[in-house]
Amino acid sequence: MSTIIATTTTTTKTTSNSDDPQIPAFTMDRTVKTLNDAWREWHIGFTGKPSVKYMEDKYGTLWRNSAAETKYYNRRHIIIKFIEDKAKIWNLPIPDVIKRIERAETAAGIKSLNNLREKIEDKTFQCL
């Protein structure tokens, strides 16, 4: 009596948006300088591209095709979450929250989104 053993092989493919025609090429815009533009890029779309939120909802992390893009996404997400959290705490619409944060940025001498993110992360940004 002979025994036949069936085996299956599972292959896992790591995809990037350049390898998968289902995922459109997408990178976040490095020229964004204002909170309004950062918010718009994240939630609405910017310069003819879909929003970051859309890409994240539809493709998960697959659209972030490099460590640099993931790092940029994570850094920008800190700012977006800060805006969203303040909107809930202050019970204000997003445009009013952005204006309030921008006034605090000016008063603190913050000149870039990256500098704002650093201040948010180390909890030294005061915005009342």
C-alpha atoms as a PDB file:
ATOM      1  CA  MET A   1       0.000   0.000   0.000  1.00  0.00           C
ATOM      2  CA  SER A   2       1.426   3.374  -0.961  1.00  0.00           C
ATOM      3  CA  THR A   3       0.582   6.691   0.635  1.00  0.00           C
ATOM      4  CA  ILE A   4       0.280   9.860  -1.315  1.00  0.00           C
ATOM      5  CA  ILE A   5       1.069  13.000   0.584  1.00  0.00           C
ATOM      6  CA  ALA A   6      -0.282  16.198  -0.879  1.00  0.00           C
ATOM      7  CA  THR A   7       1.603  19.366  -0.174  1.00  0.00           C
ATOM      8  CA  THR A   8       0.681  22.914  -0.858  1.00  0.00           C
ATOM      9  CA  THR A   9       2.957  25.840  -1.242  1.00  0.00           C
ATOM     10  CA  THR A  10       1.934  29.295  -0.189  1.00  0.00           C
ATOM     11  CA  THR A  11       3.704  32.238  -1.674  1.00  0.00           C
ATOM     12  CA  THR A  12       3.560  35.621  -0.066  1.00  0.00           C
ATOM     13  CA  LYS A  13       4.095  38.550  -2.352  1.00  0.00           C
ATOM     14  CA  THR A  14       5.199  41.852  -0.980  1.00  0.00           C
ATOM     15  CA  THR A  15       3.772  44.543  -3.181  1.00  0.00           C
ATOM     16  CA  SER A  16       4.618  48.119  -3.694  1.00  0.00           C
ATOM     17  CA  ASN A  17       2.597  50.508  -5.757  1.00  0.00           C
ATOM     18  CA  SER A  18       5.153  50.259  -8.553  1.00  0.00           C
ATOM     19  CA  ASP A  19       4.664  46.477  -8.766  1.00  0.00           C
ATOM     20  CA  ASP A  20       0.887  46.276  -8.435  1.00  0.00           C
ATOM     21  CA  PRO A  21      -1.258  47.837 -11.152  1.00  0.00           C
ATOM     22  CA  GLN A  22      -4.166  47.881  -8.680  1.00  0.00           C
ATOM     23  CA  ILE A  23      -2.427  50.467  -6.488  1.00  0.00           C
ATOM     24  CA  PRO A  24      -1.880  53.819  -8.187  1.00  0.00           C
ATOM     25  CA  ALA A  25       1.444  55.585  -7.794  1.00  0.00           C
ATOM     26  CA  PHE A  26       1.030  58.035  -4.925  1.00  0.00           C
ATOM     27  CA  THR A  27       3.311  60.097  -2.741  1.00  0.00           C
ATOM     28  CA  MET A  28       2.413  62.797  -0.294  1.00  0.00           C
ATOM     29  CA  ASP A  29       3.248  66.304  -1.437  1.00  0.00           C
ATOM     30  CA  ARG A  30       6.517  67.543   0.062  1.00  0.00           C
ATOM     31  CA  THR A  31       5.693  71.159  -0.863  1.00  0.00           C
ATOM     32  CA  VAL A  32       2.798  71.430   1.624  1.00  0.00           C
ATOM     33  CA  LYS A  33       3.669  74.250   4.023  1.00  0.00           C
ATOM     34  CA  THR A  34       0.407  75.245   5.745  1.00  0.00           C
ATOM     35  CA  LEU A  35      -1.988  73.518   8.096  1.00  0.00           C
ATOM     36  CA  ASN A  36      -4.840  74.190   5.669  1.00  0.00           C
ATOM     37  CA  ASP A  37      -2.981  72.459   2.854  1.00  0.00           C
ATOM     38  CA  ALA A  38      -1.935  69.567   5.099  1.00  0.00           C
ATOM     39  CA  TRP A  39      -5.554  69.098   6.166  1.00  0.00           C
ATOM     40  CA  ARG A  40      -6.784  69.345   2.586  1.00  0.00           C
ATOM     41  CA  GLU A  41      -4.212  66.834   1.315  1.00  0.00           C
ATOM     42  CA  TRP A  42      -5.179  64.403   4.076  1.00  0.00           C
ATOM     43  CA  HIS A  43      -8.961  64.641   3.834  1.00  0.00           C
ATOM     44  CA  ILE A  44      -9.883  66.083   0.432  1.00  0.00           C
ATOM     45  CA  GLY A  45      -6.947  65.617  -1.916  1.00  0.00           C
ATOM     46  CA  PHE A  46      -4.324  68.028  -3.154  1.00  0.00           C
ATOM     47  CA  THR A  47      -2.957  69.005  -6.562  1.00  0.00           C
ATOM     48  CA  GLY A  48      -5.286  66.635  -8.380  1.00  0.00           C
ATOM     49  CA  LYS A  49      -4.390  63.599  -6.281  1.00  0.00           C
ATOM     50  CA  PRO A  50      -6.750  61.588  -4.073  1.00  0.00           C
ATOM     51  CA  SER A  51      -6.687  62.252  -0.351  1.00  0.00           C
ATOM     52  CA  VAL A  52      -4.268  60.451   1.949  1.00  0.00           C
ATOM     53  CA  LYS A  53      -7.281  59.184   3.890  1.00  0.00           C
ATOM     54  CA  TYR A  54      -8.739  57.685   0.711  1.00  0.00           C
ATOM     55  CA  MET A  55      -5.456  55.921  -0.075  1.00  0.00           C
ATOM     56  CA  GLU A  56      -5.209  54.616   3.476  1.00  0.00           C
ATOM     57  CA  ASP A  57      -8.841  53.444   3.553  1.00  0.00           C
ATOM     58  CA  LYS A  58      -8.658  51.751   0.142  1.00  0.00           C
ATOM     59  CA  TYR A  59      -5.108  50.307   0.131  1.00  0.00           C
ATOM     60  CA  GLY A  60      -4.039  50.241   3.767  1.00  0.00           C
ATOM     61  CA  THR A  61      -0.287  50.608   4.026  1.00  0.00           C
ATOM     62  CA  LEU A  62       0.455  49.222   0.540  1.00  0.00           C
ATOM     63  CA  TRP A  63       0.415  52.645  -1.128  1.00  0.00           C
ATOM     64  CA  ARG A  64       3.321  53.696   1.093  1.00  0.00           C
ATOM     65  CA  ASN A  65       5.979  52.114  -1.079  1.00  0.00           C
ATOM     66  CA  SER A  66       9.086  53.164   0.822  1.00  0.00           C
ATOM     67  CA  ALA A  67      10.403  53.734   4.321  1.00  0.00           C
ATOM     68  CA  ALA A  68      10.672  57.433   3.509  1.00  0.00           C
ATOM     69  CA  GLU A  69       6.980  57.628   2.554  1.00  0.00           C
ATOM     70  CA  THR A  70       5.951  55.757   5.705  1.00  0.00           C
ATOM     71  CA  LYS A  71       8.047  58.100   7.837  1.00  0.00           C
ATOM     72  CA  TYR A  72       6.547  61.155   6.120  1.00  0.00           C
ATOM     73  CA  TYR A  73       3.031  59.737   6.572  1.00  0.00           C
ATOM     74  CA  ASN A  74       3.610  59.056  10.279  1.00  0.00           C
ATOM     75  CA  ARG A  75       4.980  62.542  10.866  1.00  0.00           C
ATOM     76  CA  ARG A  76       2.095  64.242   9.070  1.00  0.00           C
ATOM     77  CA  HIS A  77      -0.407  62.012  10.865  1.00  0.00           C
ATOM     78  CA  ILE A  78       0.733  63.489  14.194  1.00  0.00           C
ATOM     79  CA  ILE A  79      -0.335  66.952  13.002  1.00  0.00           C
ATOM     80  CA  ILE A  80      -3.640  65.742  11.548  1.00  0.00           C
ATOM     81  CA  LYS A  81      -4.498  63.882  14.749  1.00  0.00           C
ATOM     82  CA  PHE A  82      -3.607  66.979  16.791  1.00  0.00           C
ATOM     83  CA  ILE A  83      -6.064  69.051  14.724  1.00  0.00           C
ATOM     84  CA  GLU A  84      -8.782  66.409  15.074  1.00  0.00           C
ATOM     85  CA  ASP A  85      -8.227  66.076  18.825  1.00  0.00           C
ATOM     86  CA  LYS A  86      -8.371  69.846  19.335  1.00  0.00           C
ATOM     87  CA  ALA A  87     -11.592  70.048  17.295  1.00  0.00           C
ATOM     88  CA  LYS A  88     -13.194  67.555  19.680  1.00  0.00           C
ATOM     89  CA  ILE A  89     -11.816  69.181  22.841  1.00  0.00           C
ATOM     90  CA  TRP A  90     -12.723  72.711  21.786  1.00  0.00           C
ATOM     91  CA  ASN A  91     -15.944  71.662  20.049  1.00  0.00           C
ATOM     92  CA  LEU A  92     -15.050  73.837  17.066  1.00  0.00           C
ATOM     93  CA  PRO A  93     -15.132  73.286  13.318  1.00  0.00           C
ATOM     94  CA  ILE A  94     -11.828  72.394  11.684  1.00  0.00           C
ATOM     95  CA  PRO A  95     -11.266  75.806  10.005  1.00  0.00           C
ATOM     96  CA  ASP A  96     -11.543  77.532  13.394  1.00  0.00           C
ATOM     97  CA  VAL A  97      -9.209  74.997  14.991  1.00  0.00           C
ATOM     98  CA  ILE A  98      -6.632  75.531  12.240  1.00  0.00           C
ATOM     99  CA  LYS A  99      -6.809  79.307  12.706  1.00  0.00           C
ATOM    100  CA  ARG A 100      -6.312  78.937  16.464  1.00  0.00           C
ATOM    101  CA  ILE A 101      -3.331  76.602  15.981  1.00  0.00           C
ATOM    102  CA  GLU A 102      -1.820  78.956  13.388  1.00  0.00           C
ATOM    103  CA  ARG A 103      -2.062  81.891  15.826  1.00  0.00           C
ATOM    104  CA  ALA A 104      -0.292  79.801  18.471  1.00  0.00           C
ATOM    105  CA  GLU A 105       2.357  78.787  15.900  1.00  0.00           C
ATOM    106  CA  THR A 106       3.054  82.431  15.089  1.00  0.00           C
ATOM    107  CA  ALA A 107       3.238  83.378  18.771  1.00  0.00           C
ATOM    108  CA  ALA A 108       5.671  80.511  19.417  1.00  0.00           C
ATOM    109  CA  GLY A 109       7.855  81.367  16.417  1.00  0.00           C
ATOM    110  CA  ILE A 110       7.165  78.042  14.710  1.00  0.00           C
ATOM    111  CA  LYS A 111       8.008  78.334  11.028  1.00  0.00           C
ATOM    112  CA  SER A 112       7.380  74.879   9.535  1.00  0.00           C
ATOM    113  CA  LEU A 113       5.044  71.916   9.788  1.00  0.00           C
ATOM    114  CA  ASN A 114       7.980  69.745  10.806  1.00  0.00           C
ATOM    115  CA  ASN A 115       8.847  72.116  13.645  1.00  0.00           C
ATOM    116  CA  LEU A 116       5.182  72.080  14.740  1.00  0.00           C
ATOM    117  CA  ARG A 117       5.196  68.280  14.693  1.00  0.00           C
ATOM    118  CA  GLU A 118       8.320  68.198  16.849  1.00  0.00           C
ATOM    119  CA  LYS A 119       6.701  70.552  19.385  1.00  0.00           C
ATOM    120  CA  ILE A 120       3.512  68.466  19.427  1.00  0.00           C
ATOM    121  CA  GLU A 121       5.505  65.264  19.936  1.00  0.00           C
ATOM    122  CA  ASP A 122       7.596  66.589  22.785  1.00  0.00           C
ATOM    123  CA  LYS A 123       4.517  68.286  24.272  1.00  0.00           C
ATOM    124  CA  THR A 124       6.056  71.756  24.272  1.00  0.00           C
ATOM    125  CA  PHE A 125       3.463  73.307  21.924  1.00  0.00           C
ATOM    126  CA  GLN A 126       0.956  75.365  23.860  1.00  0.00           C
ATOM    127  CA  CYS A 127      -2.303  76.018  22.091  1.00  0.00           C
ATOM    128  CA  LEU A 128      -5.274  77.184  24.126  1.00  0.00           C
END
